[in-house]
Amino acid sequence: MKKLYKSSDKKICGVCGGIAEYFDVDPTVVRLLWIFFSLWAGGGILAYIIAALIMDDGNNDVII
């Protein structure tokens, strides 16, 4: 079962990296789309802040 976590591949808080890992896409694409929608619709910044506060910090499972 997949879970949405903040990524360790982060530029600000790891939200876009976590979303990219969840959907198995390149984090740069998610970041560019997030910037585009933030500038176009204006709600992306608030959504990013909310996601940064709500999302868990990361998957702490250790695989040996």
N, C-alpha and C. Protein backbone atom coordinates (compact mmCIF):
# COMPACT_ATOMS: atom_id res chain seq x y z
N MET A 1 0.85 -1.18 0.00
CA MET A 1 0.00 0.00 0.00
C MET A 1 0.89 1.24 0.00
N LYS A 2 0.61 2.15 -0.91
CA LYS A 2 1.40 3.36 -1.02
C LYS A 2 0.91 4.40 -0.03
N LYS A 3 1.84 5.16 0.52
CA LYS A 3 1.50 6.27 1.39
C LYS A 3 2.22 7.51 0.91
N LEU A 4 1.62 8.65 1.15
CA LEU A 4 2.18 9.92 0.73
C LEU A 4 3.00 10.50 1.86
N TYR A 5 4.30 10.67 1.61
CA TYR A 5 5.23 11.24 2.58
C TYR A 5 6.00 12.37 1.93
N LYS A 6 6.54 13.26 2.76
CA LYS A 6 7.50 14.23 2.26
C LYS A 6 8.75 13.47 1.85
N SER A 7 9.40 13.97 0.84
CA SER A 7 10.57 13.29 0.30
C SER A 7 11.85 13.82 0.93
N SER A 8 12.89 12.98 0.91
CA SER A 8 14.20 13.46 1.33
C SER A 8 14.84 14.25 0.19
N ASP A 9 14.31 14.09 -1.04
CA ASP A 9 14.74 14.89 -2.19
C ASP A 9 13.95 16.18 -2.17
N LYS A 10 14.40 17.14 -1.37
CA LYS A 10 13.60 18.34 -1.16
C LYS A 10 14.35 19.59 -1.55
N LYS A 11 13.58 20.56 -1.99
CA LYS A 11 14.10 21.90 -2.27
C LYS A 11 13.64 22.85 -1.18
N ILE A 12 12.38 22.73 -0.76
CA ILE A 12 11.87 23.57 0.33
C ILE A 12 11.46 22.67 1.49
N CYS A 13 10.36 21.96 1.34
CA CYS A 13 9.89 21.09 2.43
C CYS A 13 9.75 19.63 2.01
N GLY A 14 9.90 19.32 0.75
CA GLY A 14 9.80 17.94 0.29
C GLY A 14 8.42 17.53 -0.18
N VAL A 15 7.51 18.48 -0.30
CA VAL A 15 6.13 18.16 -0.70
C VAL A 15 6.09 17.70 -2.16
N CYS A 16 6.68 18.45 -3.05
CA CYS A 16 6.66 18.08 -4.48
C CYS A 16 7.43 16.79 -4.73
N GLY A 17 8.54 16.60 -4.02
CA GLY A 17 9.29 15.35 -4.14
C GLY A 17 8.49 14.16 -3.66
N GLY A 18 7.74 14.34 -2.59
CA GLY A 18 6.89 13.27 -2.08
C GLY A 18 5.76 12.93 -3.02
N ILE A 19 5.16 13.95 -3.61
CA ILE A 19 4.10 13.71 -4.59
C ILE A 19 4.66 13.00 -5.82
N ALA A 20 5.86 13.40 -6.24
CA ALA A 20 6.50 12.75 -7.39
C ALA A 20 6.81 11.29 -7.11
N GLU A 21 7.29 10.98 -5.90
CA GLU A 21 7.55 9.59 -5.54
C GLU A 21 6.26 8.78 -5.49
N TYR A 22 5.20 9.38 -4.99
CA TYR A 22 3.92 8.68 -4.88
C TYR A 22 3.39 8.30 -6.26
N PHE A 23 3.48 9.22 -7.23
CA PHE A 23 2.98 8.97 -8.57
C PHE A 23 4.04 8.44 -9.52
N ASP A 24 5.28 8.23 -9.02
CA ASP A 24 6.39 7.69 -9.79
C ASP A 24 6.69 8.52 -11.04
N VAL A 25 6.85 9.83 -10.82
CA VAL A 25 7.24 10.75 -11.89
C VAL A 25 8.46 11.55 -11.42
N ASP A 26 9.04 12.29 -12.34
CA ASP A 26 10.21 13.11 -12.03
C ASP A 26 9.81 14.28 -11.13
N PRO A 27 10.54 14.52 -10.03
CA PRO A 27 10.20 15.62 -9.13
C PRO A 27 10.24 17.00 -9.80
N THR A 28 11.11 17.16 -10.80
CA THR A 28 11.20 18.44 -11.49
C THR A 28 9.90 18.76 -12.21
N VAL A 29 9.27 17.75 -12.79
CA VAL A 29 7.99 17.96 -13.48
C VAL A 29 6.93 18.41 -12.49
N VAL A 30 6.87 17.78 -11.34
CA VAL A 30 5.88 18.16 -10.32
C VAL A 30 6.15 19.58 -9.84
N ARG A 31 7.40 19.93 -9.62
CA ARG A 31 7.74 21.29 -9.18
C ARG A 31 7.34 22.33 -10.21
N LEU A 32 7.64 22.06 -11.49
CA LEU A 32 7.27 23.00 -12.55
C LEU A 32 5.76 23.15 -12.67
N LEU A 33 5.04 22.03 -12.59
CA LEU A 33 3.57 22.10 -12.64
C LEU A 33 3.02 22.88 -11.44
N TRP A 34 3.60 22.67 -10.26
CA TRP A 34 3.14 23.37 -9.06
C TRP A 34 3.36 24.88 -9.21
N ILE A 35 4.51 25.28 -9.73
CA ILE A 35 4.79 26.70 -9.96
C ILE A 35 3.81 27.27 -10.97
N PHE A 36 3.58 26.54 -12.06
CA PHE A 36 2.65 27.00 -13.09
C PHE A 36 1.25 27.23 -12.52
N PHE A 37 0.74 26.26 -11.78
CA PHE A 37 -0.60 26.39 -11.22
C PHE A 37 -0.67 27.43 -10.11
N SER A 38 0.44 27.62 -9.41
CA SER A 38 0.47 28.67 -8.37
C SER A 38 0.36 30.04 -9.00
N LEU A 39 1.07 30.24 -10.10
CA LEU A 39 1.01 31.54 -10.78
C LEU A 39 -0.30 31.72 -11.52
N TRP A 40 -0.84 30.64 -12.08
CA TRP A 40 -2.06 30.73 -12.88
C TRP A 40 -3.30 30.85 -12.01
N ALA A 41 -3.44 29.99 -11.02
CA ALA A 41 -4.65 29.97 -10.21
C ALA A 41 -4.49 30.69 -8.88
N GLY A 42 -3.27 30.78 -8.38
CA GLY A 42 -3.02 31.52 -7.15
C GLY A 42 -3.17 30.74 -5.86
N GLY A 43 -3.71 29.55 -5.89
CA GLY A 43 -3.94 28.80 -4.67
C GLY A 43 -2.83 27.82 -4.33
N GLY A 44 -1.85 27.72 -5.20
CA GLY A 44 -0.80 26.74 -5.01
C GLY A 44 0.08 27.00 -3.81
N ILE A 45 0.32 28.25 -3.50
CA ILE A 45 1.19 28.57 -2.36
C ILE A 45 0.51 28.16 -1.06
N LEU A 46 -0.74 28.48 -0.92
CA LEU A 46 -1.49 28.08 0.27
C LEU A 46 -1.60 26.57 0.36
N ALA A 47 -1.84 25.91 -0.77
CA ALA A 47 -1.93 24.44 -0.79
C ALA A 47 -0.59 23.82 -0.40
N TYR A 48 0.52 24.41 -0.84
CA TYR A 48 1.84 23.89 -0.49
C TYR A 48 2.09 24.00 1.01
N ILE A 49 1.73 25.13 1.59
CA ILE A 49 1.92 25.33 3.04
C ILE A 49 1.08 24.33 3.82
N ILE A 50 -0.16 24.13 3.41
CA ILE A 50 -1.02 23.17 4.09
C ILE A 50 -0.46 21.76 3.95
N ALA A 51 -0.01 21.40 2.75
CA ALA A 51 0.56 20.07 2.54
C ALA A 51 1.83 19.87 3.36
N ALA A 52 2.65 20.91 3.46
CA ALA A 52 3.89 20.82 4.25
C ALA A 52 3.59 20.59 5.73
N LEU A 53 2.50 21.15 6.21
CA LEU A 53 2.13 20.97 7.61
C LEU A 53 1.46 19.63 7.87
N ILE A 54 0.72 19.11 6.90
CA ILE A 54 -0.07 17.90 7.11
C ILE A 54 0.70 16.62 6.79
N MET A 55 1.53 16.62 5.76
CA MET A 55 2.22 15.40 5.33
C MET A 55 3.25 14.94 6.36
N ASP A 56 3.37 13.62 6.51
CA ASP A 56 4.40 13.05 7.37
C ASP A 56 5.77 13.35 6.81
N ASP A 57 6.79 13.32 7.69
CA ASP A 57 8.14 13.69 7.28
C ASP A 57 8.82 12.68 6.36
N GLY A 58 8.47 11.45 6.41
CA GLY A 58 9.09 10.50 5.51
C GLY A 58 8.84 9.08 5.95
N ASN A 59 9.09 8.19 5.04
CA ASN A 59 8.94 6.78 5.34
C ASN A 59 10.17 6.32 6.08
N ASN A 60 10.04 6.01 7.34
CA ASN A 60 11.15 5.64 8.20
C ASN A 60 11.40 4.14 8.23
N ASP A 61 10.77 3.39 7.32
CA ASP A 61 10.99 1.95 7.27
C ASP A 61 12.41 1.66 6.82
N VAL A 62 13.04 0.75 7.50
CA VAL A 62 14.41 0.36 7.16
C VAL A 62 14.34 -0.98 6.47
N ILE A 63 14.91 -1.04 5.26
CA ILE A 63 14.92 -2.28 4.51
C ILE A 63 16.34 -2.83 4.53
N ILE A 64 16.46 -4.03 5.04
CA ILE A 64 17.80 -4.64 5.15
C ILE A 64 17.88 -5.84 4.22
